[in-house]
Amino acid sequence: MECRWRKIHHEGFGDVARGAAATRLNVLRYVGHRPGMVIDLGCGSGILSRAVSDAVCDVLGVDYLEDLGRLSRC
């Protein structure tokens, strides 16, 4: 089961997450986000969380599926 969810997310929805990350970063920059923490509910495998974390601040990613939460910490 674990491999199945990872494959579905990365191959089927990875581009969506990367596009959402770019949009989220633009919004954070526009509003003048100060250092702090962003919470990513439904983080999936952490694609968006990683992009935001690398660019501007700390991120706490949470997902209902334990399998995806494990992947997001890799």
PDB file of N, CA and C in Angstrom:
ATOM      1  N   MET A   1       0.827  -1.193   0.000  1.00  0.00           N
ATOM      2  CA  MET A   1       0.000   0.000   0.000  1.00  0.00           C
ATOM      3  C   MET A   1       0.874   1.260   0.000  1.00  0.00           C
ATOM      4  N   GLU A   2       1.959   1.234   0.759  1.00  0.00           N
ATOM      5  CA  GLU A   2       2.811   2.420   0.888  1.00  0.00           C
ATOM      6  C   GLU A   2       3.318   2.904  -0.469  1.00  0.00           C
ATOM      7  N   CYS A   3       3.884   2.012  -1.255  1.00  0.00           N
ATOM      8  CA  CYS A   3       4.417   2.386  -2.567  1.00  0.00           C
ATOM      9  C   CYS A   3       3.326   2.934  -3.475  1.00  0.00           C
ATOM     10  N   ARG A   4       2.146   2.363  -3.388  1.00  0.00           N
ATOM     11  CA  ARG A   4       1.044   2.796  -4.254  1.00  0.00           C
ATOM     12  C   ARG A   4       0.712   4.263  -4.045  1.00  0.00           C
ATOM     13  N   TRP A   5       0.586   4.703  -2.803  1.00  0.00           N
ATOM     14  CA  TRP A   5       0.233   6.106  -2.529  1.00  0.00           C
ATOM     15  C   TRP A   5       1.350   7.046  -2.938  1.00  0.00           C
ATOM     16  N   ARG A   6       2.578   6.655  -2.710  1.00  0.00           N
ATOM     17  CA  ARG A   6       3.706   7.488  -3.122  1.00  0.00           C
ATOM     18  C   ARG A   6       3.708   7.680  -4.628  1.00  0.00           C
ATOM     19  N   LYS A   7       3.530   6.595  -5.343  1.00  0.00           N
ATOM     20  CA  LYS A   7       3.537   6.650  -6.807  1.00  0.00           C
ATOM     21  C   LYS A   7       2.388   7.512  -7.326  1.00  0.00           C
ATOM     22  N   ILE A   8       1.201   7.334  -6.774  1.00  0.00           N
ATOM     23  CA  ILE A   8       0.038   8.123  -7.197  1.00  0.00           C
ATOM     24  C   ILE A   8       0.298   9.605  -6.969  1.00  0.00           C
ATOM     25  N   HIS A   9       0.802   9.953  -5.802  1.00  0.00           N
ATOM     26  CA  HIS A   9       1.027  11.372  -5.501  1.00  0.00           C
ATOM     27  C   HIS A   9       2.097  11.975  -6.398  1.00  0.00           C
ATOM     28  N   HIS A  10       3.244  11.349  -6.442  1.00  0.00           N
ATOM     29  CA  HIS A  10       4.354  11.924  -7.198  1.00  0.00           C
ATOM     30  C   HIS A  10       4.105  11.965  -8.700  1.00  0.00           C
ATOM     31  N   GLU A  11       3.599  10.878  -9.228  1.00  0.00           N
ATOM     32  CA  GLU A  11       3.420  10.819 -10.679  1.00  0.00           C
ATOM     33  C   GLU A  11       2.114  11.467 -11.132  1.00  0.00           C
ATOM     34  N   GLY A  12       1.074  11.354 -10.317  1.00  0.00           N
ATOM     35  CA  GLY A  12      -0.225  11.875 -10.728  1.00  0.00           C
ATOM     36  C   GLY A  12      -0.495  13.309 -10.318  1.00  0.00           C
ATOM     37  N   PHE A  13       0.063  13.726  -9.178  1.00  0.00           N
ATOM     38  CA  PHE A  13      -0.272  15.040  -8.638  1.00  0.00           C
ATOM     39  C   PHE A  13       0.941  15.904  -8.304  1.00  0.00           C
ATOM     40  N   GLY A  14       2.130  15.427  -8.590  1.00  0.00           N
ATOM     41  CA  GLY A  14       3.332  16.187  -8.282  1.00  0.00           C
ATOM     42  C   GLY A  14       3.370  17.548  -8.958  1.00  0.00           C
ATOM     43  N   ASP A  15       2.935  17.601 -10.222  1.00  0.00           N
ATOM     44  CA  ASP A  15       2.921  18.885 -10.940  1.00  0.00           C
ATOM     45  C   ASP A  15       1.929  19.861 -10.316  1.00  0.00           C
ATOM     46  N   VAL A  16       0.815  19.340  -9.838  1.00  0.00           N
ATOM     47  CA  VAL A  16      -0.177  20.192  -9.163  1.00  0.00           C
ATOM     48  C   VAL A  16       0.442  20.785  -7.900  1.00  0.00           C
ATOM     49  N   ALA A  17       1.128  19.958  -7.132  1.00  0.00           N
ATOM     50  CA  ALA A  17       1.757  20.429  -5.894  1.00  0.00           C
ATOM     51  C   ALA A  17       2.850  21.453  -6.181  1.00  0.00           C
ATOM     52  N   ARG A  18       3.633  21.226  -7.230  1.00  0.00           N
ATOM     53  CA  ARG A  18       4.684  22.194  -7.582  1.00  0.00           C
ATOM     54  C   ARG A  18       4.080  23.523  -8.037  1.00  0.00           C
ATOM     55  N   GLY A  19       2.996  23.468  -8.791  1.00  0.00           N
ATOM     56  CA  GLY A  19       2.310  24.696  -9.204  1.00  0.00           C
ATOM     57  C   GLY A  19       1.721  25.436  -8.018  1.00  0.00           C
ATOM     58  N   ALA A  20       1.144  24.681  -7.086  1.00  0.00           N
ATOM     59  CA  ALA A  20       0.589  25.292  -5.880  1.00  0.00           C
ATOM     60  C   ALA A  20       1.695  25.918  -5.037  1.00  0.00           C
ATOM     61  N   ALA A  21       2.850  25.287  -5.014  1.00  0.00           N
ATOM     62  CA  ALA A  21       3.976  25.835  -4.253  1.00  0.00           C
ATOM     63  C   ALA A  21       4.404  27.181  -4.817  1.00  0.00           C
ATOM     64  N   ALA A  22       4.492  27.276  -6.132  1.00  0.00           N
ATOM     65  CA  ALA A  22       4.877  28.544  -6.755  1.00  0.00           C
ATOM     66  C   ALA A  22       3.860  29.634  -6.437  1.00  0.00           C
ATOM     67  N   THR A  23       2.589  29.296  -6.496  1.00  0.00           N
ATOM     68  CA  THR A  23       1.531  30.262  -6.168  1.00  0.00           C
ATOM     69  C   THR A  23       1.616  30.672  -4.710  1.00  0.00           C
ATOM     70  N   ARG A  24       1.794  29.710  -3.818  1.00  0.00           N
ATOM     71  CA  ARG A  24       1.880  29.992  -2.380  1.00  0.00           C
ATOM     72  C   ARG A  24       3.053  30.898  -2.084  1.00  0.00           C
ATOM     73  N   LEU A  25       4.200  30.651  -2.710  1.00  0.00           N
ATOM     74  CA  LEU A  25       5.376  31.506  -2.491  1.00  0.00           C
ATOM     75  C   LEU A  25       5.122  32.926  -2.968  1.00  0.00           C
ATOM     76  N   ASN A  26       4.464  33.080  -4.102  1.00  0.00           N
ATOM     77  CA  ASN A  26       4.121  34.420  -4.587  1.00  0.00           C
ATOM     78  C   ASN A  26       3.214  35.147  -3.610  1.00  0.00           C
ATOM     79  N   VAL A  27       2.233  34.454  -3.059  1.00  0.00           N
ATOM     80  CA  VAL A  27       1.321  35.064  -2.078  1.00  0.00           C
ATOM     81  C   VAL A  27       2.082  35.460  -0.822  1.00  0.00           C
ATOM     82  N   LEU A  28       2.934  34.573  -0.317  1.00  0.00           N
ATOM     83  CA  LEU A  28       3.696  34.890   0.898  1.00  0.00           C
ATOM     84  C   LEU A  28       4.599  36.104   0.682  1.00  0.00           C
ATOM     85  N   ARG A  29       5.218  36.188  -0.469  1.00  0.00           N
ATOM     86  CA  ARG A  29       6.071  37.345  -0.758  1.00  0.00           C
ATOM     87  C   ARG A  29       5.236  38.623  -0.894  1.00  0.00           C
ATOM     88  N   TYR A  30       4.089  38.515  -1.536  1.00  0.00           N
ATOM     89  CA  TYR A  30       3.208  39.667  -1.745  1.00  0.00           C
ATOM     90  C   TYR A  30       2.727  40.262  -0.426  1.00  0.00           C
ATOM     91  N   VAL A  31       2.380  39.411   0.517  1.00  0.00           N
ATOM     92  CA  VAL A  31       1.870  39.908   1.798  1.00  0.00           C
ATOM     93  C   VAL A  31       3.003  40.241   2.774  1.00  0.00           C
ATOM     94  N   GLY A  32       4.239  40.022   2.340  1.00  0.00           N
ATOM     95  CA  GLY A  32       5.371  40.355   3.205  1.00  0.00           C
ATOM     96  C   GLY A  32       5.498  39.418   4.388  1.00  0.00           C
ATOM     97  N   HIS A  33       5.412  38.134   4.123  1.00  0.00           N
ATOM     98  CA  HIS A  33       5.478  37.134   5.193  1.00  0.00           C
ATOM     99  C   HIS A  33       6.745  37.303   6.018  1.00  0.00           C
ATOM    100  N   ARG A  34       6.564  37.322   7.315  1.00  0.00           N
ATOM    101  CA  ARG A  34       7.687  37.416   8.246  1.00  0.00           C
ATOM    102  C   ARG A  34       8.106  36.004   8.663  1.00  0.00           C
ATOM    103  N   PRO A  35       9.316  35.848   9.180  1.00  0.00           N
ATOM    104  CA  PRO A  35       9.752  34.524   9.622  1.00  0.00           C
ATOM    105  C   PRO A  35       8.742  33.927  10.599  1.00  0.00           C
ATOM    106  N   GLY A  36       8.541  32.668  10.483  1.00  0.00           N
ATOM    107  CA  GLY A  36       7.598  31.963  11.335  1.00  0.00           C
ATOM    108  C   GLY A  36       7.340  30.586  10.769  1.00  0.00           C
ATOM    109  N   MET A  37       6.176  30.055  11.047  1.00  0.00           N
ATOM    110  CA  MET A  37       5.848  28.722  10.580  1.00  0.00           C
ATOM    111  C   MET A  37       4.578  28.731   9.738  1.00  0.00           C
ATOM    112  N   VAL A  38       4.619  27.980   8.657  1.00  0.00           N
ATOM    113  CA  VAL A  38       3.448  27.749   7.814  1.00  0.00           C
ATOM    114  C   VAL A  38       3.002  26.320   8.070  1.00  0.00           C
ATOM    115  N   ILE A  39       1.708  26.095   8.198  1.00  0.00           N
ATOM    116  CA  ILE A  39       1.170  24.751   8.380  1.00  0.00           C
ATOM    117  C   ILE A  39       0.528  24.318   7.073  1.00  0.00           C
ATOM    118  N   ASP A  40       0.968  23.181   6.561  1.00  0.00           N
ATOM    119  CA  ASP A  40       0.455  22.624   5.309  1.00  0.00           C
ATOM    120  C   ASP A  40      -0.419  21.421   5.649  1.00  0.00           C
ATOM    121  N   LEU A  41      -1.729  21.661   5.726  1.00  0.00           N
ATOM    122  CA  LEU A  41      -2.665  20.576   6.022  1.00  0.00           C
ATOM    123  C   LEU A  41      -2.953  19.818   4.734  1.00  0.00           C
ATOM    124  N   GLY A  42      -2.852  18.503   4.811  1.00  0.00           N
ATOM    125  CA  GLY A  42      -3.006  17.693   3.611  1.00  0.00           C
ATOM    126  C   GLY A  42      -1.758  17.785   2.754  1.00  0.00           C
ATOM    127  N   CYS A  43      -0.602  17.657   3.383  1.00  0.00           N
ATOM    128  CA  CYS A  43       0.674  17.915   2.711  1.00  0.00           C
ATOM    129  C   CYS A  43       1.068  16.864   1.681  1.00  0.00           C
ATOM    130  N   GLY A  44       0.364  15.758   1.652  1.00  0.00           N
ATOM    131  CA  GLY A  44       0.744  14.711   0.702  1.00  0.00           C
ATOM    132  C   GLY A  44       2.151  14.241   0.975  1.00  0.00           C
ATOM    133  N   SER A  45       2.955  14.174  -0.051  1.00  0.00           N
ATOM    134  CA  SER A  45       4.335  13.719   0.131  1.00  0.00           C
ATOM    135  C   SER A  45       5.281  14.856   0.483  1.00  0.00           C
ATOM    136  N   GLY A  46       4.767  16.066   0.612  1.00  0.00           N
ATOM    137  CA  GLY A  46       5.581  17.185   1.078  1.00  0.00           C
ATOM    138  C   GLY A  46       6.203  18.039  -0.007  1.00  0.00           C
ATOM    139  N   ILE A  47       5.745  17.913  -1.245  1.00  0.00           N
ATOM    140  CA  ILE A  47       6.319  18.703  -2.340  1.00  0.00           C
ATOM    141  C   ILE A  47       6.157  20.200  -2.068  1.00  0.00           C
ATOM    142  N   LEU A  48       4.936  20.625  -1.755  1.00  0.00           N
ATOM    143  CA  LEU A  48       4.685  22.044  -1.470  1.00  0.00           C
ATOM    144  C   LEU A  48       5.416  22.464  -0.190  1.00  0.00           C
ATOM    145  N   SER A  49       5.352  21.641   0.838  1.00  0.00           N
ATOM    146  CA  SER A  49       6.017  21.956   2.105  1.00  0.00           C
ATOM    147  C   SER A  49       7.506  22.184   1.917  1.00  0.00           C
ATOM    148  N   ARG A  50       8.138  21.327   1.133  1.00  0.00           N
ATOM    149  CA  ARG A  50       9.580  21.441   0.901  1.00  0.00           C
ATOM    150  C   ARG A  50       9.908  22.738   0.173  1.00  0.00           C
ATOM    151  N   ALA A  51       9.129  23.071  -0.845  1.00  0.00           N
ATOM    152  CA  ALA A  51       9.389  24.292  -1.613  1.00  0.00           C
ATOM    153  C   ALA A  51       9.264  25.534  -0.740  1.00  0.00           C
ATOM    154  N   VAL A  52       8.224  25.584   0.087  1.00  0.00           N
ATOM    155  CA  VAL A  52       8.027  26.737   0.966  1.00  0.00           C
ATOM    156  C   VAL A  52       9.116  26.780   2.027  1.00  0.00           C
ATOM    157  N   SER A  53       9.449  25.634   2.595  1.00  0.00           N
ATOM    158  CA  SER A  53      10.494  25.569   3.613  1.00  0.00           C
ATOM    159  C   SER A  53      11.844  26.016   3.059  1.00  0.00           C
ATOM    160  N   ASP A  54      12.175  25.570   1.873  1.00  0.00           N
ATOM    161  CA  ASP A  54      13.458  25.949   1.258  1.00  0.00           C
ATOM    162  C   ASP A  54      13.525  27.440   0.955  1.00  0.00           C
ATOM    163  N   ALA A  55      12.371  28.042   0.661  1.00  0.00           N
ATOM    164  CA  ALA A  55      12.363  29.435   0.212  1.00  0.00           C
ATOM    165  C   ALA A  55      12.191  30.458   1.323  1.00  0.00           C
ATOM    166  N   VAL A  56      11.283  30.229   2.250  1.00  0.00           N
ATOM    167  CA  VAL A  56      10.971  31.328   3.164  1.00  0.00           C
ATOM    168  C   VAL A  56      10.856  31.007   4.641  1.00  0.00           C
ATOM    169  N   CYS A  57      10.446  29.841   5.026  1.00  0.00           N
ATOM    170  CA  CYS A  57      10.206  29.642   6.460  1.00  0.00           C
ATOM    171  C   CYS A  57      10.063  28.172   6.816  1.00  0.00           C
ATOM    172  N   ASP A  58       9.847  27.923   8.096  1.00  0.00           N
ATOM    173  CA  ASP A  58       9.613  26.573   8.578  1.00  0.00           C
ATOM    174  C   ASP A  58       8.198  26.140   8.210  1.00  0.00           C
ATOM    175  N   VAL A  59       8.043  24.856   7.949  1.00  0.00           N
ATOM    176  CA  VAL A  59       6.742  24.317   7.578  1.00  0.00           C
ATOM    177  C   VAL A  59       6.466  23.066   8.406  1.00  0.00           C
ATOM    178  N   LEU A  60       5.246  22.979   8.894  1.00  0.00           N
ATOM    179  CA  LEU A  60       4.762  21.761   9.532  1.00  0.00           C
ATOM    180  C   LEU A  60       3.766  21.146   8.571  1.00  0.00           C
ATOM    181  N   GLY A  61       4.106  19.979   8.012  1.00  0.00           N
ATOM    182  CA  GLY A  61       3.221  19.296   7.080  1.00  0.00           C
ATOM    183  C   GLY A  61       2.470  18.184   7.792  1.00  0.00           C
ATOM    184  N   VAL A  62       1.159  18.133   7.591  1.00  0.00           N
ATOM    185  CA  VAL A  62       0.314  17.126   8.232  1.00  0.00           C
ATOM    186  C   VAL A  62      -0.546  16.480   7.160  1.00  0.00           C
ATOM    187  N   ASP A  63      -0.619  15.149   7.177  1.00  0.00           N
ATOM    188  CA  ASP A  63      -1.486  14.457   6.240  1.00  0.00           C
ATOM    189  C   ASP A  63      -2.195  13.317   6.954  1.00  0.00           C
ATOM    190  N   TYR A  64      -3.419  13.053   6.529  1.00  0.00           N
ATOM    191  CA  TYR A  64      -4.243  12.002   7.113  1.00  0.00           C
ATOM    192  C   TYR A  64      -3.629  10.627   6.896  1.00  0.00           C
ATOM    193  N   LEU A  65      -3.067  10.420   5.735  1.00  0.00           N
ATOM    194  CA  LEU A  65      -2.474   9.126   5.422  1.00  0.00           C
ATOM    195  C   LEU A  65      -1.080   9.036   6.007  1.00  0.00           C
ATOM    196  N   GLU A  66      -0.910   8.143   6.951  1.00  0.00           N
ATOM    197  CA  GLU A  66       0.374   7.996   7.629  1.00  0.00           C
ATOM    198  C   GLU A  66       1.505   7.752   6.635  1.00  0.00           C
ATOM    199  N   ASP A  67       1.220   6.995   5.612  1.00  0.00           N
ATOM    200  CA  ASP A  67       2.215   6.675   4.599  1.00  0.00           C
ATOM    201  C   ASP A  67       2.786   7.938   3.960  1.00  0.00           C
ATOM    202  N   LEU A  68       1.934   8.881   3.610  1.00  0.00           N
ATOM    203  CA  LEU A  68       2.407  10.113   2.983  1.00  0.00           C
ATOM    204  C   LEU A  68       3.139  10.983   3.984  1.00  0.00           C
ATOM    205  N   GLY A  69       2.719  10.977   5.237  1.00  0.00           N
ATOM    206  CA  GLY A  69       3.426  11.740   6.265  1.00  0.00           C
ATOM    207  C   GLY A  69       4.842  11.254   6.437  1.00  0.00           C
ATOM    208  N   ARG A  70       5.023   9.948   6.379  1.00  0.00           N
ATOM    209  CA  ARG A  70       6.376   9.386   6.474  1.00  0.00           C
ATOM    210  C   ARG A  70       7.229   9.855   5.297  1.00  0.00           C
ATOM    211  N   LEU A  71       6.655   9.850   4.119  1.00  0.00           N
ATOM    212  CA  LEU A  71       7.385  10.277   2.932  1.00  0.00           C
ATOM    213  C   LEU A  71       7.771  11.750   3.022  1.00  0.00           C
ATOM    214  N   SER A  72       6.900  12.574   3.578  1.00  0.00           N
ATOM    215  CA  SER A  72       7.166  14.009   3.625  1.00  0.00           C
ATOM    216  C   SER A  72       8.333  14.333   4.559  1.00  0.00           C
ATOM    217  N   ARG A  73       8.668  13.446   5.485  1.00  0.00           N
ATOM    218  CA  ARG A  73       9.786  13.698   6.391  1.00  0.00           C
ATOM    219  C   ARG A  73      11.110  13.233   5.811  1.00  0.00           C
ATOM    220  N   CYS A  74      11.081  12.574   4.659  1.00  0.00           N
ATOM    221  CA  CYS A  74      12.318  12.059   4.056  1.00  0.00           C
ATOM    222  C   CYS A  74      13.164  13.184   3.508  1.00  0.00           C
TER     223      CYS A  74
END
